[in-house]
Amino acid sequence: MVERRQAFLAAVLVIIVLAAVGISWFLVLPTVDFWLDPNYYFLREEDGWVTVNWQSNASAAGTFTPINCKNTGLLPANFEITIAFSGAAFSKDTPMPYQQINETAARFTFAVGGFQEKKADVHFTILNDAQFSISLSIASDQALLRVANAQKSSLPWDRSYRDLYYSFYDNRFVAAVIS
């Protein structure tokens, strides 16, 4: 009888430990999501380009796109996001800090606290009036940092908002399809 009770208590203790580890894995450890906002389009005007937000209809001179990132864990996250352009070039009009890699890429360092979001506006110059693309990648030397899946839960669910293609024919960004 005593042995059964001890075995039962040991089993309950193991279940409690596993549950605590599971909870810490999903809630405590930093989980980073990062994406580009597809709600922008670009218009050529007499003095240059204008960026317009589809949702708010707000416009600003020049061409830029925000890098968005979110930490859904309790612990802080430290990482670097590299943005690369094809058919466009990185612009030094981008607010510091960043590290320019070459004419078409730059690296941004983020320190995001638990359950926080941050964004950085990245300015660029359009080189190809037919289309261009922007892609993001992440790197970190932080142990136990998890990166969220590129696939979003909102519609369309099978898209990656880390790789956007812009077509001037449609005047809109198209997210890459995840296969």
Protein backbone atom coordinates (compact mmCIF):
# COMPACT_ATOMS: atom_id res chain seq x y z
CA MET A 1 0.00 0.00 0.00
CA VAL A 2 2.81 2.42 0.91
CA GLU A 3 4.67 1.52 -2.29
CA ARG A 4 1.60 2.27 -4.40
CA ARG A 5 1.18 5.61 -2.69
CA GLN A 6 4.85 6.49 -3.29
CA ALA A 7 4.58 5.42 -6.93
CA PHE A 8 1.43 7.53 -7.32
CA LEU A 9 3.11 10.57 -5.72
CA ALA A 10 6.17 10.09 -7.93
CA ALA A 11 3.94 9.96 -11.02
CA VAL A 12 2.09 13.11 -9.93
CA LEU A 13 5.42 14.87 -9.33
CA VAL A 14 6.66 13.89 -12.80
CA ILE A 15 3.45 15.21 -14.36
CA ILE A 16 3.76 18.50 -12.45
CA VAL A 17 7.39 18.92 -13.55
CA LEU A 18 6.53 18.17 -17.18
CA ALA A 19 3.62 20.62 -17.06
CA ALA A 20 5.87 23.33 -15.59
CA VAL A 21 8.48 22.75 -18.30
CA GLY A 22 5.76 22.87 -20.96
CA ILE A 23 4.30 26.08 -19.60
CA SER A 24 7.72 27.70 -19.39
CA TRP A 25 8.49 26.58 -22.94
CA PHE A 26 5.34 28.21 -24.33
CA LEU A 27 4.98 31.24 -22.06
CA VAL A 28 8.33 32.14 -20.55
CA LEU A 29 10.95 31.55 -23.25
CA PRO A 30 11.21 34.33 -25.83
CA THR A 31 9.43 33.58 -29.09
CA VAL A 32 10.07 36.09 -31.86
CA ASP A 33 7.85 36.79 -34.82
CA PHE A 34 8.90 39.25 -37.52
CA TRP A 35 7.23 40.40 -40.72
CA LEU A 36 6.83 43.09 -43.36
CA ASP A 37 3.63 45.07 -43.66
CA PRO A 38 1.98 44.55 -47.07
CA ASN A 39 -0.39 47.51 -46.62
CA TYR A 40 1.76 50.02 -48.51
CA TYR A 41 1.94 51.13 -52.12
CA PHE A 42 4.20 53.56 -53.93
CA LEU A 43 3.36 56.38 -56.34
CA ARG A 44 5.72 58.32 -58.58
CA GLU A 45 5.16 62.06 -58.39
CA GLU A 46 6.94 65.00 -59.98
CA ASP A 47 9.53 65.38 -57.19
CA GLY A 48 10.04 61.66 -56.53
CA TRP A 49 8.21 58.80 -54.84
CA VAL A 50 5.46 58.78 -52.21
CA THR A 51 4.60 55.91 -49.86
CA VAL A 52 0.88 55.44 -49.12
CA ASN A 53 -0.70 53.21 -46.48
CA TRP A 54 -3.77 51.34 -47.83
CA GLN A 55 -5.52 51.21 -44.46
CA SER A 56 -5.10 54.79 -43.21
CA ASN A 57 -4.58 56.44 -46.62
CA ALA A 58 -1.72 58.38 -45.00
CA SER A 59 1.14 59.29 -47.33
CA ALA A 60 4.76 60.30 -46.83
CA ALA A 61 7.49 61.46 -49.19
CA GLY A 62 10.03 58.83 -50.21
CA THR A 63 9.82 55.06 -50.16
CA PHE A 64 9.94 53.04 -46.96
CA THR A 65 8.58 49.90 -45.36
CA PRO A 66 8.38 48.95 -41.68
CA ILE A 67 10.02 45.85 -40.20
CA ASN A 68 7.74 44.60 -37.42
CA CYS A 69 8.76 42.22 -34.65
CA LYS A 70 7.04 40.83 -31.58
CA ASN A 71 8.21 38.77 -28.60
CA THR A 72 5.40 36.57 -27.28
CA GLY A 73 7.46 35.16 -24.41
CA LEU A 74 8.05 36.53 -20.93
CA LEU A 75 11.85 36.74 -21.19
CA PRO A 76 13.53 39.43 -23.35
CA ALA A 77 14.79 38.60 -26.84
CA ASN A 78 17.92 39.89 -28.58
CA PHE A 79 18.33 39.30 -32.31
CA GLU A 80 19.28 40.81 -35.64
CA ILE A 81 17.05 41.09 -38.69
CA THR A 82 18.57 41.45 -42.13
CA ILE A 83 16.52 43.10 -44.85
CA ALA A 84 17.48 42.49 -48.47
CA PHE A 85 16.13 44.12 -51.62
CA SER A 86 16.01 42.96 -55.22
CA GLY A 87 15.16 45.64 -57.77
CA ALA A 88 15.61 48.27 -55.04
CA ALA A 89 18.49 49.58 -52.92
CA PHE A 90 18.83 50.32 -49.22
CA SER A 91 18.74 54.06 -48.48
CA LYS A 92 20.86 55.86 -45.90
CA ASP A 93 17.75 57.98 -45.17
CA THR A 94 16.86 55.12 -42.80
CA PRO A 95 17.10 56.26 -39.16
CA MET A 96 20.06 54.82 -37.25
CA PRO A 97 21.04 52.39 -35.81
CA TYR A 98 21.68 49.82 -38.51
CA GLN A 99 24.64 48.15 -40.19
CA GLN A 100 24.66 48.45 -43.95
CA ILE A 101 25.88 45.19 -45.49
CA ASN A 102 25.94 46.33 -49.13
CA GLU A 103 23.85 48.48 -51.48
CA THR A 104 20.84 46.17 -51.24
CA ALA A 105 20.94 44.89 -47.64
CA ALA A 106 21.18 46.11 -44.04
CA ARG A 107 21.09 44.56 -40.57
CA PHE A 108 19.03 45.88 -37.64
CA THR A 109 19.58 44.88 -34.02
CA PHE A 110 16.50 44.46 -31.82
CA ALA A 111 16.14 44.04 -28.07
CA VAL A 112 12.48 43.29 -27.39
CA GLY A 113 11.16 42.79 -23.86
CA GLY A 114 8.63 40.18 -22.89
CA PHE A 115 5.26 40.56 -24.63
CA GLN A 116 6.46 43.66 -26.51
CA GLU A 117 6.49 44.76 -30.14
CA LYS A 118 8.93 46.99 -32.00
CA LYS A 119 9.26 48.29 -35.51
CA ALA A 120 11.85 50.04 -37.66
CA ASP A 121 11.10 52.00 -40.82
CA VAL A 122 13.51 51.11 -43.62
CA HIS A 123 13.93 53.57 -46.48
CA PHE A 124 14.89 52.38 -49.94
CA THR A 125 15.31 53.53 -53.53
CA ILE A 126 13.34 51.85 -56.28
CA LEU A 127 15.64 50.74 -59.12
CA ASN A 128 13.16 48.81 -61.25
CA ASP A 129 9.86 50.50 -62.13
CA ALA A 130 8.28 47.13 -63.00
CA GLN A 131 8.73 45.20 -59.74
CA PHE A 132 10.95 44.69 -56.74
CA SER A 133 11.09 42.38 -53.74
CA ILE A 134 12.00 42.61 -50.07
CA SER A 135 12.95 39.73 -47.79
CA LEU A 136 13.79 39.36 -44.12
CA SER A 137 15.97 36.89 -42.23
CA ILE A 138 16.84 36.57 -38.54
CA ALA A 139 19.97 35.65 -36.59
CA SER A 140 20.64 35.43 -32.86
CA ASP A 141 23.20 33.96 -30.51
CA GLN A 142 20.70 33.96 -27.63
CA ALA A 143 20.20 30.49 -26.23
CA LEU A 144 16.63 29.13 -26.27
CA LEU A 145 15.30 31.86 -28.55
CA ARG A 146 12.46 30.49 -30.65
CA VAL A 147 11.39 31.94 -33.98
CA ALA A 148 7.69 31.85 -34.82
CA ASN A 149 6.58 30.13 -37.99
CA ALA A 150 6.39 32.44 -41.01
CA GLN A 151 2.88 31.21 -41.69
CA LYS A 152 0.28 33.57 -40.22
CA SER A 153 -3.01 32.47 -38.74
CA SER A 154 -4.95 35.23 -40.48
CA LEU A 155 -6.07 34.98 -44.09
CA PRO A 156 -4.46 34.19 -46.38
CA TRP A 157 -2.96 31.63 -44.03
CA ASP A 158 -0.50 30.11 -46.51
CA ARG A 159 1.61 33.27 -47.00
CA SER A 160 4.94 34.43 -45.60
CA TYR A 161 5.05 38.14 -44.87
CA ARG A 162 8.85 37.88 -44.61
CA ASP A 163 9.13 37.83 -48.42
CA LEU A 164 7.10 40.41 -50.31
CA TYR A 165 7.03 41.06 -54.04
CA TYR A 166 5.83 44.41 -55.33
CA SER A 167 4.25 44.79 -58.76
CA PHE A 168 3.63 48.26 -60.16
CA TYR A 169 1.07 46.72 -62.49
CA ASP A 170 -1.18 45.91 -59.48
CA ASN A 171 0.37 48.59 -57.22
CA ARG A 172 0.53 46.19 -54.29
CA PHE A 173 2.71 43.80 -52.33
CA VAL A 174 2.18 40.08 -52.74
CA ALA A 175 3.30 37.75 -49.96
CA ALA A 176 5.27 34.64 -50.84
CA VAL A 177 3.25 31.41 -50.86
CA ILE A 178 4.51 28.77 -48.44
CA SER A 179 4.66 25.40 -50.13
